[in-house]
């Protein structure tokens, strides 16, 4: 007599149940990725603005023909090559020449802060 090999119905059902449980546990972990991505996007733009402000400050101090003058937080966006992405706004106070201040970048889904450096 030949011995048949394969899986029994109960083994297949157990595997399907285990996969279902794993899926039920894993899916909620992926649902919240959108808000995390949006928060990271705002933080990324804030980091780019802080970096642009620092590079602009250094370039402007070295040679006043380089860079752009920054007197308000909103002017920091002018130092960002390509400008501010659409849907973002920069708010904050005036920045004295040679001073640093905390500015905010906002989008419809979040806010982040960065340091703006004033230079004339």
Protein backbone atom coordinates (compact mmCIF):
# COMPACT_ATOMS: atom_id res chain seq x y z
CA UNK A 1 0.00 0.00 0.00
CA UNK A 2 1.28 3.51 -0.86
CA UNK A 3 1.69 5.99 1.93
CA UNK A 4 0.15 9.35 1.03
CA UNK A 5 1.87 12.51 2.15
CA UNK A 6 0.45 15.98 2.65
CA UNK A 7 -1.23 18.15 5.24
CA UNK A 8 -4.37 17.26 7.08
CA UNK A 9 -7.30 19.63 7.19
CA UNK A 10 -6.75 20.40 10.86
CA UNK A 11 -3.12 21.40 10.20
CA UNK A 12 -4.19 23.80 7.45
CA UNK A 13 -6.90 25.31 9.68
CA UNK A 14 -4.38 25.85 12.50
CA UNK A 15 -1.96 27.61 10.14
CA UNK A 16 -4.73 29.88 8.84
CA UNK A 17 -5.82 30.74 12.38
CA UNK A 18 -2.24 31.60 13.37
CA UNK A 19 -1.83 33.82 10.29
CA UNK A 20 -5.11 35.54 11.13
CA UNK A 21 -3.95 36.29 14.66
CA UNK A 22 -0.63 37.66 13.42
CA UNK A 23 -2.42 39.87 10.90
CA UNK A 24 -4.79 41.17 13.56
CA UNK A 25 -1.84 42.14 15.74
CA UNK A 26 0.27 43.65 12.94
CA UNK A 27 -2.34 45.73 11.08
CA UNK A 28 -2.88 48.30 13.88
CA UNK A 29 0.87 48.94 13.87
CA UNK A 30 0.71 50.05 10.22
CA UNK A 31 -2.47 52.11 10.43
CA UNK A 32 -0.82 54.98 12.33
CA UNK A 33 2.09 55.34 9.89
CA UNK A 34 0.43 58.25 8.10
CA UNK A 35 0.44 60.57 11.12
CA UNK A 36 4.03 59.57 11.92
CA UNK A 37 5.06 60.36 8.34
CA UNK A 38 3.33 63.75 8.44
CA UNK A 39 5.03 64.64 11.72
CA UNK A 40 8.38 63.59 10.27
CA UNK A 41 7.75 65.68 7.14
CA UNK A 42 7.16 68.84 9.19
CA UNK A 43 10.24 68.10 11.30
CA UNK A 44 12.25 67.58 8.11
CA UNK A 45 11.22 70.95 6.72
CA UNK A 46 12.09 72.56 10.07
CA UNK A 47 15.52 70.92 9.95
CA UNK A 48 16.05 72.14 6.40
CA UNK A 49 15.12 75.68 7.45
CA UNK A 50 17.50 75.57 10.43
CA UNK A 51 20.31 74.34 8.18
CA UNK A 52 19.53 76.93 5.50
CA UNK A 53 19.53 79.65 8.14
CA UNK A 54 22.95 78.59 9.46
CA UNK A 55 24.51 78.32 6.00
CA UNK A 56 22.97 81.65 4.96
CA UNK A 57 24.29 83.30 8.13
CA UNK A 58 27.82 81.99 7.55
CA UNK A 59 27.80 82.97 3.90
CA UNK A 60 26.42 86.42 4.59
CA UNK A 61 28.97 87.10 7.35
CA UNK A 62 31.81 86.04 5.05
CA UNK A 63 30.58 88.10 2.09
CA UNK A 64 27.51 90.37 2.17
CA UNK A 65 26.93 89.70 -1.53
CA UNK A 66 26.16 86.07 -0.66
CA UNK A 67 22.93 84.81 0.85
CA UNK A 68 19.86 86.82 1.76
CA UNK A 69 19.17 89.19 4.64
CA UNK A 70 17.11 87.62 7.42
CA UNK A 71 15.22 89.96 9.75
CA UNK A 72 12.15 87.83 10.54
CA UNK A 73 11.38 84.16 10.81
CA UNK A 74 9.43 84.35 7.55
CA UNK A 75 12.60 85.60 5.77
CA UNK A 76 14.40 82.36 6.67
CA UNK A 77 12.30 80.62 4.01
CA UNK A 78 14.03 82.84 1.40
CA UNK A 79 17.34 81.19 2.34
CA UNK A 80 15.95 77.77 1.50
CA UNK A 81 16.93 76.79 -2.03
CA UNK A 82 13.77 76.11 -4.01
CA UNK A 83 11.70 77.97 -1.42
CA UNK A 84 9.28 76.64 1.12
CA UNK A 85 7.21 73.61 0.02
CA UNK A 86 3.58 74.37 -0.73
CA UNK A 87 1.27 73.96 2.22
CA UNK A 88 3.88 75.09 4.75
CA UNK A 89 4.14 78.42 6.54
CA UNK A 90 6.79 80.00 8.76
CA UNK A 91 5.86 82.13 11.76
CA UNK A 92 7.80 83.82 14.49
CA UNK A 93 9.13 87.16 15.72
CA UNK A 94 11.61 89.57 14.23
CA UNK A 95 15.25 88.50 14.49
CA UNK A 96 17.93 91.02 15.39
CA UNK A 97 21.16 91.05 13.44
CA UNK A 98 23.46 88.38 14.89
CA UNK A 99 20.75 86.97 17.15
CA UNK A 100 19.04 83.62 17.19
CA UNK A 101 15.36 83.02 17.86
CA UNK A 102 12.91 80.15 17.84
CA UNK A 103 10.67 80.08 14.77
CA UNK A 104 7.84 77.72 13.84
CA UNK A 105 7.03 75.93 10.62
CA UNK A 106 3.44 74.78 10.26
CA UNK A 107 1.43 72.62 7.92
CA UNK A 108 -2.18 71.52 8.11
CA UNK A 109 -1.10 68.41 10.02
CA UNK A 110 1.55 69.65 12.41
CA UNK A 111 4.02 72.19 13.71
CA UNK A 112 7.75 72.04 14.41
CA UNK A 113 10.27 74.60 15.63
CA UNK A 114 13.70 75.59 14.40
CA UNK A 115 16.31 78.23 15.21
CA UNK A 116 16.48 81.21 12.89
CA UNK A 117 19.65 83.33 12.72
CA UNK A 118 19.34 87.03 11.94
CA UNK A 119 21.72 88.62 9.51
CA UNK A 120 21.50 91.83 7.53
